[in-house]
Amino acid sequence: MNFLELVQKRQSTRKYLPRPVDRKLIDQCIEAARLAPSARNSQPWSFIVIDDPKIIAEVSKKAFSGLYKSTSFAGKAPVLIAVITEKTDYITRLGAQIRNIKYSLIDIGIACEHLILQAEELGLGTCWLGWFNTKQVKKVLQLPRSTQIDILISLGYPQESAKQREKQRRSLNEIRRYNKDLF
């Protein structure tokens, strides 16, 4: 499958089979993320892989309740990955401040996309989650309050019944302009 076919095939998975994912496959996904580019090669990420069903149940109960109930489907995945945003070096932080750009968020976005596309190639489904109770996740995982968890990724084998959904995207002509079109 070529890259555009992979991107076309990839979709958020919200229903998973109750089947464990081999850690070798998980590590392959993390390796794809590890190889992602980042501002000044700062690599401002680390990943906590949660594959123990008891811990997943505890994280799910705390992270996806109340206001966050709409993402509770993720608790049925056999793997959750907490993406930690690490501090970057001084020059990267200074550049980010001058430009008013959070480079670390761009960097972890690229890394997570690498992880998710690798998972898709391996036949695994994922869902990128930004809506969860961060404070409670840190508490369950016994992380310091200063830890920044911006993303959770659910990962597992998608249910066979999950049909390919048509992507609703703006057309190429709506999003692309060549420089001659600017003048």
N, C-alpha and C. Protein backbone atom coordinates (compact mmCIF):
# COMPACT_ATOMS: atom_id res chain seq x y z
N MET A 1 0.85 -1.17 0.00
CA MET A 1 0.00 0.00 0.00
C MET A 1 0.90 1.24 0.00
N ASN A 2 0.59 2.20 -0.89
CA ASN A 2 1.39 3.41 -0.90
C ASN A 2 0.90 4.38 0.18
N PHE A 3 1.64 5.47 0.35
CA PHE A 3 1.35 6.39 1.46
C PHE A 3 -0.06 6.98 1.39
N LEU A 4 -0.49 7.46 0.22
CA LEU A 4 -1.82 8.05 0.11
C LEU A 4 -2.92 7.02 0.38
N GLU A 5 -2.70 5.78 -0.01
CA GLU A 5 -3.67 4.72 0.29
C GLU A 5 -3.75 4.50 1.81
N LEU A 6 -2.60 4.52 2.46
CA LEU A 6 -2.55 4.36 3.92
C LEU A 6 -3.32 5.49 4.61
N VAL A 7 -3.07 6.72 4.17
CA VAL A 7 -3.73 7.88 4.76
C VAL A 7 -5.24 7.82 4.50
N GLN A 8 -5.62 7.38 3.30
CA GLN A 8 -7.05 7.26 2.98
C GLN A 8 -7.72 6.19 3.84
N LYS A 9 -7.00 5.11 4.08
CA LYS A 9 -7.56 3.98 4.85
C LYS A 9 -7.70 4.31 6.34
N ARG A 10 -6.77 5.07 6.88
CA ARG A 10 -6.75 5.36 8.31
C ARG A 10 -7.97 6.15 8.75
N GLN A 11 -8.62 5.67 9.78
CA GLN A 11 -9.76 6.37 10.39
C GLN A 11 -9.76 6.09 11.88
N SER A 12 -10.43 6.95 12.62
CA SER A 12 -10.51 6.75 14.08
C SER A 12 -11.31 5.50 14.38
N THR A 13 -10.77 4.68 15.26
CA THR A 13 -11.44 3.45 15.67
C THR A 13 -12.06 3.66 17.04
N ARG A 14 -13.33 3.33 17.15
CA ARG A 14 -14.03 3.50 18.42
C ARG A 14 -14.58 2.18 18.98
N LYS A 15 -14.38 1.09 18.22
CA LYS A 15 -14.80 -0.24 18.67
C LYS A 15 -13.65 -1.20 18.43
N TYR A 16 -13.23 -1.84 19.53
CA TYR A 16 -12.07 -2.71 19.47
C TYR A 16 -12.44 -4.14 19.84
N LEU A 17 -11.70 -5.09 19.27
CA LEU A 17 -11.82 -6.48 19.69
C LEU A 17 -11.14 -6.63 21.04
N PRO A 18 -11.65 -7.52 21.90
CA PRO A 18 -11.00 -7.73 23.21
C PRO A 18 -9.79 -8.66 23.07
N ARG A 19 -8.87 -8.26 22.26
CA ARG A 19 -7.70 -9.08 21.93
C ARG A 19 -6.44 -8.28 22.26
N PRO A 20 -5.54 -8.85 23.06
CA PRO A 20 -4.30 -8.13 23.41
C PRO A 20 -3.46 -7.83 22.16
N VAL A 21 -2.68 -6.78 22.25
CA VAL A 21 -1.77 -6.40 21.17
C VAL A 21 -0.36 -6.77 21.61
N ASP A 22 0.34 -7.50 20.77
CA ASP A 22 1.70 -7.92 21.06
C ASP A 22 2.58 -6.68 21.27
N ARG A 23 3.39 -6.71 22.29
CA ARG A 23 4.26 -5.57 22.60
C ARG A 23 5.25 -5.27 21.48
N LYS A 24 5.60 -6.26 20.67
CA LYS A 24 6.48 -6.01 19.53
C LYS A 24 5.80 -5.06 18.54
N LEU A 25 4.50 -5.22 18.35
CA LEU A 25 3.76 -4.32 17.45
C LEU A 25 3.65 -2.93 18.06
N ILE A 26 3.41 -2.87 19.36
CA ILE A 26 3.33 -1.58 20.05
C ILE A 26 4.68 -0.86 19.92
N ASP A 27 5.76 -1.60 20.16
CA ASP A 27 7.09 -1.00 20.06
C ASP A 27 7.39 -0.52 18.64
N GLN A 28 6.88 -1.22 17.65
CA GLN A 28 7.06 -0.77 16.27
C GLN A 28 6.38 0.59 16.06
N CYS A 29 5.21 0.77 16.66
CA CYS A 29 4.50 2.05 16.57
C CYS A 29 5.26 3.15 17.30
N ILE A 30 5.77 2.83 18.48
CA ILE A 30 6.54 3.81 19.25
C ILE A 30 7.83 4.15 18.51
N GLU A 31 8.44 3.17 17.86
CA GLU A 31 9.65 3.43 17.09
C GLU A 31 9.36 4.40 15.95
N ALA A 32 8.23 4.26 15.28
CA ALA A 32 7.86 5.20 14.22
C ALA A 32 7.73 6.61 14.79
N ALA A 33 7.15 6.73 15.98
CA ALA A 33 7.04 8.04 16.63
C ALA A 33 8.41 8.58 17.01
N ARG A 34 9.26 7.71 17.50
CA ARG A 34 10.61 8.12 17.92
C ARG A 34 11.40 8.74 16.78
N LEU A 35 11.15 8.27 15.57
CA LEU A 35 11.89 8.74 14.40
C LEU A 35 11.35 10.04 13.82
N ALA A 36 10.29 10.57 14.39
CA ALA A 36 9.68 11.80 13.87
C ALA A 36 10.63 12.99 14.02
N PRO A 37 10.55 13.93 13.09
CA PRO A 37 11.35 15.15 13.23
C PRO A 37 10.78 16.04 14.33
N SER A 38 11.61 16.93 14.85
CA SER A 38 11.15 17.89 15.86
C SER A 38 12.01 19.14 15.79
N ALA A 39 11.49 20.24 16.29
CA ALA A 39 12.22 21.51 16.28
C ALA A 39 13.54 21.34 17.01
N ARG A 40 14.62 21.67 16.33
CA ARG A 40 15.98 21.57 16.89
C ARG A 40 16.28 20.17 17.42
N ASN A 41 15.61 19.17 16.87
CA ASN A 41 15.76 17.78 17.31
C ASN A 41 15.53 17.63 18.81
N SER A 42 14.60 18.42 19.33
CA SER A 42 14.34 18.42 20.77
C SER A 42 13.63 17.17 21.26
N GLN A 43 12.88 16.49 20.39
CA GLN A 43 12.19 15.25 20.74
C GLN A 43 11.43 15.39 22.06
N PRO A 44 10.49 16.32 22.13
CA PRO A 44 9.84 16.63 23.41
C PRO A 44 8.72 15.67 23.79
N TRP A 45 8.95 14.39 23.69
CA TRP A 45 7.91 13.43 23.94
C TRP A 45 8.42 12.22 24.71
N SER A 46 7.52 11.59 25.40
CA SER A 46 7.73 10.25 25.92
C SER A 46 6.35 9.60 25.93
N PHE A 47 6.33 8.29 26.01
CA PHE A 47 5.09 7.54 25.86
C PHE A 47 4.95 6.54 27.00
N ILE A 48 3.82 6.56 27.64
CA ILE A 48 3.52 5.55 28.66
C ILE A 48 2.49 4.61 28.05
N VAL A 49 2.89 3.36 27.86
CA VAL A 49 2.02 2.35 27.27
C VAL A 49 1.29 1.63 28.39
N ILE A 50 -0.03 1.70 28.34
CA ILE A 50 -0.87 1.05 29.35
C ILE A 50 -1.55 -0.13 28.66
N ASP A 51 -1.11 -1.34 29.02
CA ASP A 51 -1.71 -2.53 28.41
C ASP A 51 -2.20 -3.54 29.45
N ASP A 52 -2.13 -3.18 30.70
CA ASP A 52 -2.67 -4.02 31.78
C ASP A 52 -4.17 -3.70 31.90
N PRO A 53 -5.03 -4.71 31.69
CA PRO A 53 -6.48 -4.45 31.71
C PRO A 53 -6.98 -3.78 32.99
N LYS A 54 -6.37 -4.10 34.13
CA LYS A 54 -6.80 -3.49 35.39
C LYS A 54 -6.48 -1.99 35.42
N ILE A 55 -5.30 -1.64 34.91
CA ILE A 55 -4.91 -0.22 34.89
C ILE A 55 -5.73 0.53 33.84
N ILE A 56 -6.00 -0.12 32.70
CA ILE A 56 -6.85 0.51 31.69
C ILE A 56 -8.22 0.80 32.28
N ALA A 57 -8.76 -0.16 33.01
CA ALA A 57 -10.08 0.03 33.63
C ALA A 57 -10.07 1.19 34.62
N GLU A 58 -9.01 1.29 35.41
CA GLU A 58 -8.90 2.38 36.38
C GLU A 58 -8.73 3.73 35.69
N VAL A 59 -7.86 3.78 34.68
CA VAL A 59 -7.68 5.02 33.92
C VAL A 59 -9.00 5.43 33.27
N SER A 60 -9.68 4.47 32.66
CA SER A 60 -10.94 4.75 31.96
C SER A 60 -12.00 5.30 32.89
N LYS A 61 -12.10 4.67 34.05
CA LYS A 61 -13.10 5.11 35.04
C LYS A 61 -12.86 6.56 35.45
N LYS A 62 -11.62 6.93 35.60
CA LYS A 62 -11.27 8.29 36.06
C LYS A 62 -11.18 9.30 34.91
N ALA A 63 -10.64 8.87 33.78
CA ALA A 63 -10.36 9.81 32.69
C ALA A 63 -11.57 10.12 31.82
N PHE A 64 -12.49 9.15 31.71
CA PHE A 64 -13.59 9.28 30.75
C PHE A 64 -14.96 9.33 31.41
N SER A 65 -15.06 9.98 32.55
CA SER A 65 -16.35 10.09 33.23
C SER A 65 -16.79 11.55 33.29
N GLY A 66 -18.03 11.75 33.67
CA GLY A 66 -18.56 13.11 33.79
C GLY A 66 -18.51 13.84 32.47
N LEU A 67 -17.91 14.99 32.49
CA LEU A 67 -17.77 15.82 31.29
C LEU A 67 -17.08 15.10 30.14
N TYR A 68 -16.27 14.12 30.46
CA TYR A 68 -15.43 13.43 29.47
C TYR A 68 -16.03 12.11 28.99
N LYS A 69 -17.29 11.86 29.30
CA LYS A 69 -17.94 10.59 28.99
C LYS A 69 -17.96 10.26 27.50
N SER A 70 -17.94 11.28 26.65
CA SER A 70 -18.02 11.04 25.20
C SER A 70 -16.81 10.25 24.67
N THR A 71 -15.74 10.20 25.42
CA THR A 71 -14.56 9.44 24.98
C THR A 71 -14.42 8.11 25.73
N SER A 72 -15.47 7.70 26.42
CA SER A 72 -15.39 6.48 27.24
C SER A 72 -15.16 5.21 26.42
N PHE A 73 -15.48 5.24 25.11
CA PHE A 73 -15.23 4.09 24.25
C PHE A 73 -13.76 3.66 24.30
N ALA A 74 -12.87 4.60 24.55
CA ALA A 74 -11.43 4.30 24.55
C ALA A 74 -11.07 3.29 25.64
N GLY A 75 -11.87 3.23 26.68
CA GLY A 75 -11.62 2.29 27.77
C GLY A 75 -11.79 0.84 27.37
N LYS A 76 -12.38 0.59 26.21
CA LYS A 76 -12.55 -0.78 25.70
C LYS A 76 -11.35 -1.22 24.86
N ALA A 77 -10.44 -0.31 24.58
CA ALA A 77 -9.26 -0.66 23.80
C ALA A 77 -8.29 -1.46 24.67
N PRO A 78 -7.57 -2.41 24.08
CA PRO A 78 -6.61 -3.18 24.87
C PRO A 78 -5.33 -2.41 25.23
N VAL A 79 -5.15 -1.24 24.59
CA VAL A 79 -3.95 -0.43 24.86
C VAL A 79 -4.35 1.04 24.88
N LEU A 80 -3.83 1.75 25.87
CA LEU A 80 -3.90 3.21 25.88
C LEU A 80 -2.47 3.71 25.95
N ILE A 81 -2.19 4.76 25.20
CA ILE A 81 -0.86 5.35 25.22
C ILE A 81 -1.00 6.79 25.67
N ALA A 82 -0.37 7.12 26.80
CA ALA A 82 -0.34 8.49 27.28
C ALA A 82 0.88 9.17 26.67
N VAL A 83 0.63 10.27 25.98
CA VAL A 83 1.72 11.00 25.32
C VAL A 83 2.11 12.16 26.23
N ILE A 84 3.33 12.11 26.70
CA ILE A 84 3.84 13.12 27.63
C ILE A 84 4.62 14.16 26.84
N THR A 85 4.29 15.42 27.05
CA THR A 85 5.04 16.50 26.43
C THR A 85 6.16 16.89 27.39
N GLU A 86 7.38 16.65 26.95
CA GLU A 86 8.55 16.95 27.77
C GLU A 86 9.00 18.38 27.51
N LYS A 87 9.78 18.92 28.43
CA LYS A 87 10.33 20.26 28.24
C LYS A 87 11.39 20.22 27.14
N THR A 88 11.45 21.32 26.38
CA THR A 88 12.44 21.44 25.33
C THR A 88 13.63 22.25 25.84
N ASP A 89 14.66 22.34 25.02
CA ASP A 89 15.84 23.11 25.42
C ASP A 89 15.52 24.61 25.40
N TYR A 90 16.40 25.38 25.98
CA TYR A 90 16.18 26.82 26.15
C TYR A 90 15.97 27.54 24.82
N ILE A 91 16.79 27.25 23.82
CA ILE A 91 16.70 27.96 22.54
C ILE A 91 15.37 27.64 21.85
N THR A 92 14.92 26.41 21.91
CA THR A 92 13.63 26.04 21.32
C THR A 92 12.50 26.77 22.03
N ARG A 93 12.57 26.82 23.36
CA ARG A 93 11.53 27.55 24.12
C ARG A 93 11.56 29.04 23.80
N LEU A 94 12.74 29.60 23.68
CA LEU A 94 12.88 31.02 23.35
C LEU A 94 12.29 31.30 21.96
N GLY A 95 12.64 30.48 20.99
CA GLY A 95 12.09 30.64 19.64
C GLY A 95 10.58 30.52 19.63
N ALA A 96 10.07 29.59 20.41
CA ALA A 96 8.62 29.41 20.50
C ALA A 96 7.96 30.65 21.08
N GLN A 97 8.60 31.23 22.07
CA GLN A 97 8.06 32.43 22.71
C GLN A 97 8.09 33.63 21.76
N ILE A 98 9.19 33.80 21.05
CA ILE A 98 9.32 34.90 20.10
C ILE A 98 8.29 34.78 18.98
N ARG A 99 8.14 33.58 18.46
CA ARG A 99 7.21 33.35 17.34
C ARG A 99 5.78 33.10 17.80
N ASN A 100 5.57 32.92 19.10
CA ASN A 100 4.26 32.59 19.65
C ASN A 100 3.70 31.30 19.04
N ILE A 101 4.57 30.32 18.98
CA ILE A 101 4.23 29.00 18.43
C ILE A 101 4.65 27.95 19.44
N LYS A 102 3.77 27.03 19.74
CA LYS A 102 4.12 25.93 20.65
C LYS A 102 4.72 24.79 19.84
N TYR A 103 6.02 24.90 19.58
CA TYR A 103 6.70 23.89 18.77
C TYR A 103 6.54 22.49 19.35
N SER A 104 6.54 22.38 20.66
CA SER A 104 6.43 21.05 21.26
C SER A 104 5.12 20.38 20.89
N LEU A 105 4.03 21.14 20.79
CA LEU A 105 2.76 20.55 20.38
C LEU A 105 2.79 20.13 18.91
N ILE A 106 3.44 20.92 18.08
CA ILE A 106 3.61 20.53 16.67
C ILE A 106 4.43 19.24 16.62
N ASP A 107 5.50 19.20 17.39
CA ASP A 107 6.39 18.04 17.38
C ASP A 107 5.67 16.77 17.84
N ILE A 108 4.93 16.84 18.94
CA ILE A 108 4.24 15.62 19.38
C ILE A 108 3.12 15.26 18.41
N GLY A 109 2.55 16.25 17.73
CA GLY A 109 1.56 15.96 16.70
C GLY A 109 2.15 15.13 15.58
N ILE A 110 3.34 15.51 15.14
CA ILE A 110 4.02 14.75 14.08
C ILE A 110 4.35 13.34 14.58
N ALA A 111 4.88 13.25 15.79
CA ALA A 111 5.25 11.93 16.35
C ALA A 111 4.01 11.03 16.48
N CYS A 112 2.92 11.60 16.96
CA CYS A 112 1.70 10.79 17.13
C CYS A 112 1.13 10.36 15.78
N GLU A 113 1.22 11.22 14.78
CA GLU A 113 0.76 10.82 13.45
C GLU A 113 1.61 9.68 12.90
N HIS A 114 2.92 9.73 13.13
CA HIS A 114 3.77 8.61 12.73
C HIS A 114 3.31 7.33 13.43
N LEU A 115 3.07 7.40 14.73
CA LEU A 115 2.63 6.25 15.51
C LEU A 115 1.31 5.69 14.96
N ILE A 116 0.37 6.57 14.71
CA ILE A 116 -0.96 6.16 14.25
C ILE A 116 -0.91 5.55 12.85
N LEU A 117 -0.12 6.13 11.96
CA LEU A 117 -0.01 5.58 10.61
C LEU A 117 0.71 4.23 10.63
N GLN A 118 1.70 4.07 11.50
CA GLN A 118 2.37 2.78 11.63
C GLN A 118 1.37 1.73 12.14
N ALA A 119 0.56 2.11 13.10
CA ALA A 119 -0.45 1.19 13.63
C ALA A 119 -1.40 0.75 12.51
N GLU A 120 -1.83 1.70 11.70
CA GLU A 120 -2.73 1.39 10.58
C GLU A 120 -2.09 0.39 9.63
N GLU A 121 -0.83 0.61 9.32
CA GLU A 121 -0.13 -0.31 8.41
C GLU A 121 -0.07 -1.72 8.99
N LEU A 122 -0.01 -1.81 10.32
CA LEU A 122 0.06 -3.11 11.01
C LEU A 122 -1.32 -3.74 11.22
N GLY A 123 -2.37 -3.06 10.77
CA GLY A 123 -3.73 -3.60 10.94
C GLY A 123 -4.35 -3.26 12.28
N LEU A 124 -3.77 -2.29 12.97
CA LEU A 124 -4.30 -1.86 14.27
C LEU A 124 -5.09 -0.57 14.10
N GLY A 125 -6.13 -0.43 14.89
CA GLY A 125 -6.92 0.79 14.88
C GLY A 125 -6.48 1.69 16.03
N THR A 126 -6.69 2.99 15.84
CA THR A 126 -6.33 3.97 16.87
C THR A 126 -7.37 5.07 16.92
N CYS A 127 -7.38 5.77 18.02
CA CYS A 127 -8.12 7.02 18.12
C CYS A 127 -7.30 7.99 18.95
N TRP A 128 -7.12 9.16 18.41
CA TRP A 128 -6.35 10.24 19.03
C TRP A 128 -7.32 10.98 19.94
N LEU A 129 -7.00 11.08 21.22
CA LEU A 129 -7.90 11.70 22.19
C LEU A 129 -7.26 12.91 22.86
N GLY A 130 -7.98 14.00 22.84
CA GLY A 130 -7.54 15.19 23.55
C GLY A 130 -8.52 15.56 24.65
N TRP A 131 -9.65 14.85 24.71
CA TRP A 131 -10.71 15.15 25.66
C TRP A 131 -10.74 14.06 26.74
N PHE A 132 -10.09 14.33 27.86
CA PHE A 132 -10.03 13.39 28.98
C PHE A 132 -9.61 14.18 30.21
N ASN A 133 -9.81 13.58 31.36
CA ASN A 133 -9.45 14.23 32.62
C ASN A 133 -7.97 13.99 32.92
N THR A 134 -7.17 14.94 32.49
CA THR A 134 -5.71 14.83 32.62
C THR A 134 -5.28 14.63 34.07
N LYS A 135 -5.87 15.40 34.96
CA LYS A 135 -5.50 15.34 36.38
C LYS A 135 -5.69 13.92 36.93
N GLN A 136 -6.80 13.29 36.56
CA GLN A 136 -7.08 11.95 37.05
C GLN A 136 -6.15 10.90 36.44
N VAL A 137 -5.80 11.08 35.16
CA VAL A 137 -4.87 10.15 34.52
C VAL A 137 -3.52 10.20 35.25
N LYS A 138 -3.06 11.40 35.53
CA LYS A 138 -1.78 11.55 36.26
C LYS A 138 -1.86 10.88 37.62
N LYS A 139 -3.01 11.02 38.26
CA LYS A 139 -3.18 10.43 39.59
C LYS A 139 -3.11 8.90 39.52
N VAL A 140 -3.83 8.30 38.57
CA VAL A 140 -3.83 6.84 38.43
C VAL A 140 -2.43 6.33 38.08
N LEU A 141 -1.74 7.05 37.20
CA LEU A 141 -0.40 6.61 36.77
C LEU A 141 0.70 7.06 37.74
N GLN A 142 0.30 7.74 38.82
CA GLN A 142 1.22 8.22 39.85
C GLN A 142 2.34 9.09 39.25
N LEU A 143 1.91 10.03 38.41
CA LEU A 143 2.84 10.97 37.79
C LEU A 143 2.82 12.29 38.55
N PRO A 144 3.91 13.01 38.55
CA PRO A 144 3.92 14.32 39.21
C PRO A 144 2.90 15.26 38.57
N ARG A 145 2.38 16.19 39.35
CA ARG A 145 1.40 17.15 38.84
C ARG A 145 1.96 17.97 37.70
N SER A 146 3.26 18.16 37.67
CA SER A 146 3.90 18.97 36.63
C SER A 146 3.95 18.26 35.27
N THR A 147 3.66 16.95 35.24
CA THR A 147 3.68 16.20 33.98
C THR A 147 2.58 16.71 33.06
N GLN A 148 2.94 16.90 31.80
CA GLN A 148 1.99 17.41 30.81
C GLN A 148 1.55 16.27 29.90
N ILE A 149 0.30 15.82 30.03
CA ILE A 149 -0.25 14.80 29.15
C ILE A 149 -1.23 15.52 28.23
N ASP A 150 -0.85 15.68 26.96
CA ASP A 150 -1.72 16.38 26.02
C ASP A 150 -2.59 15.43 25.21
N ILE A 151 -2.15 14.20 25.08
CA ILE A 151 -2.84 13.26 24.19
C ILE A 151 -2.88 11.87 24.83
N LEU A 152 -4.01 11.19 24.64
CA LEU A 152 -4.10 9.76 24.87
C LEU A 152 -4.42 9.14 23.51
N ILE A 153 -3.85 7.99 23.25
CA ILE A 153 -4.16 7.26 22.02
C ILE A 153 -4.68 5.89 22.41
N SER A 154 -5.88 5.55 21.95
CA SER A 154 -6.37 4.18 22.14
C SER A 154 -5.89 3.37 20.95
N LEU A 155 -5.55 2.10 21.22
CA LEU A 155 -4.96 1.27 20.18
C LEU A 155 -5.43 -0.17 20.36
N GLY A 156 -5.75 -0.82 19.26
CA GLY A 156 -6.15 -2.22 19.32
C GLY A 156 -6.63 -2.69 17.96
N TYR A 157 -7.11 -3.92 17.93
CA TYR A 157 -7.65 -4.47 16.68
C TYR A 157 -9.08 -3.98 16.51
N PRO A 158 -9.37 -3.35 15.36
CA PRO A 158 -10.74 -2.85 15.17
C PRO A 158 -11.71 -4.00 14.96
N GLN A 159 -12.96 -3.78 15.39
CA GLN A 159 -13.99 -4.77 15.12
C GLN A 159 -14.18 -4.85 13.62
N GLU A 160 -14.42 -6.06 13.14
CA GLU A 160 -14.60 -6.27 11.69
C GLU A 160 -15.75 -5.44 11.14
N SER A 161 -16.75 -5.17 11.96
CA SER A 161 -17.94 -4.45 11.49
C SER A 161 -17.66 -2.97 11.19
N ALA A 162 -16.48 -2.49 11.57
CA ALA A 162 -16.16 -1.09 11.33
C ALA A 162 -15.92 -0.87 9.84
N LYS A 163 -16.89 -0.22 9.19
CA LYS A 163 -16.78 0.03 7.76
C LYS A 163 -15.94 1.28 7.51
N GLN A 164 -15.32 1.29 6.35
CA GLN A 164 -14.55 2.46 5.94
C GLN A 164 -15.53 3.61 5.73
N ARG A 165 -15.32 4.68 6.47
CA ARG A 165 -16.18 5.86 6.32
C ARG A 165 -15.60 6.77 5.25
N GLU A 166 -16.49 7.43 4.52
CA GLU A 166 -16.04 8.39 3.52
C GLU A 166 -15.47 9.60 4.23
N LYS A 167 -14.31 10.04 3.81
CA LYS A 167 -13.69 11.21 4.43
C LYS A 167 -14.37 12.47 3.92
N GLN A 168 -14.78 13.31 4.84
CA GLN A 168 -15.39 14.59 4.50
C GLN A 168 -14.31 15.66 4.62
N ARG A 169 -13.72 16.02 3.51
CA ARG A 169 -12.63 16.99 3.50
C ARG A 169 -12.89 18.04 2.44
N ARG A 170 -12.37 19.22 2.65
CA ARG A 170 -12.44 20.25 1.62
C ARG A 170 -11.63 19.79 0.42
N SER A 171 -11.97 20.31 -0.75
CA SER A 171 -11.27 19.91 -1.97
C SER A 171 -9.87 20.51 -1.99
N LEU A 172 -9.03 19.93 -2.84
CA LEU A 172 -7.67 20.42 -3.00
C LEU A 172 -7.68 21.88 -3.45
N ASN A 173 -8.57 22.23 -4.34
CA ASN A 173 -8.64 23.61 -4.83
C ASN A 173 -9.03 24.60 -3.73
N GLU A 174 -9.72 24.13 -2.72
CA GLU A 174 -10.10 25.02 -1.61
C GLU A 174 -8.95 25.29 -0.65
N ILE A 175 -8.00 24.40 -0.58
CA ILE A 175 -6.94 24.54 0.42
C ILE A 175 -5.58 24.91 -0.15
N ARG A 176 -5.39 24.81 -1.47
CA ARG A 176 -4.09 25.03 -2.08
C ARG A 176 -4.13 26.26 -2.99
N ARG A 177 -3.10 27.10 -2.84
CA ARG A 177 -2.89 28.22 -3.76
C ARG A 177 -1.43 28.24 -4.15
N TYR A 178 -1.17 28.42 -5.40
CA TYR A 178 0.21 28.60 -5.86
C TYR A 178 0.54 30.09 -5.80
N ASN A 179 1.81 30.40 -5.72
CA ASN A 179 2.23 31.79 -5.55
C ASN A 179 1.67 32.72 -6.62
N LYS A 180 1.49 32.25 -7.85
CA LYS A 180 0.96 33.12 -8.90
C LYS A 180 -0.48 33.55 -8.60
N ASP A 181 -1.19 32.75 -7.76
CA ASP A 181 -2.56 33.07 -7.39
C ASP A 181 -2.62 34.16 -6.31
N LEU A 182 -1.48 34.50 -5.74
CA LEU A 182 -1.45 35.47 -4.65
C LEU A 182 -1.43 36.91 -5.14
N PHE A 183 -1.05 37.11 -6.37
CA PHE A 183 -0.87 38.47 -6.88
C PHE A 183 -1.94 38.86 -7.88
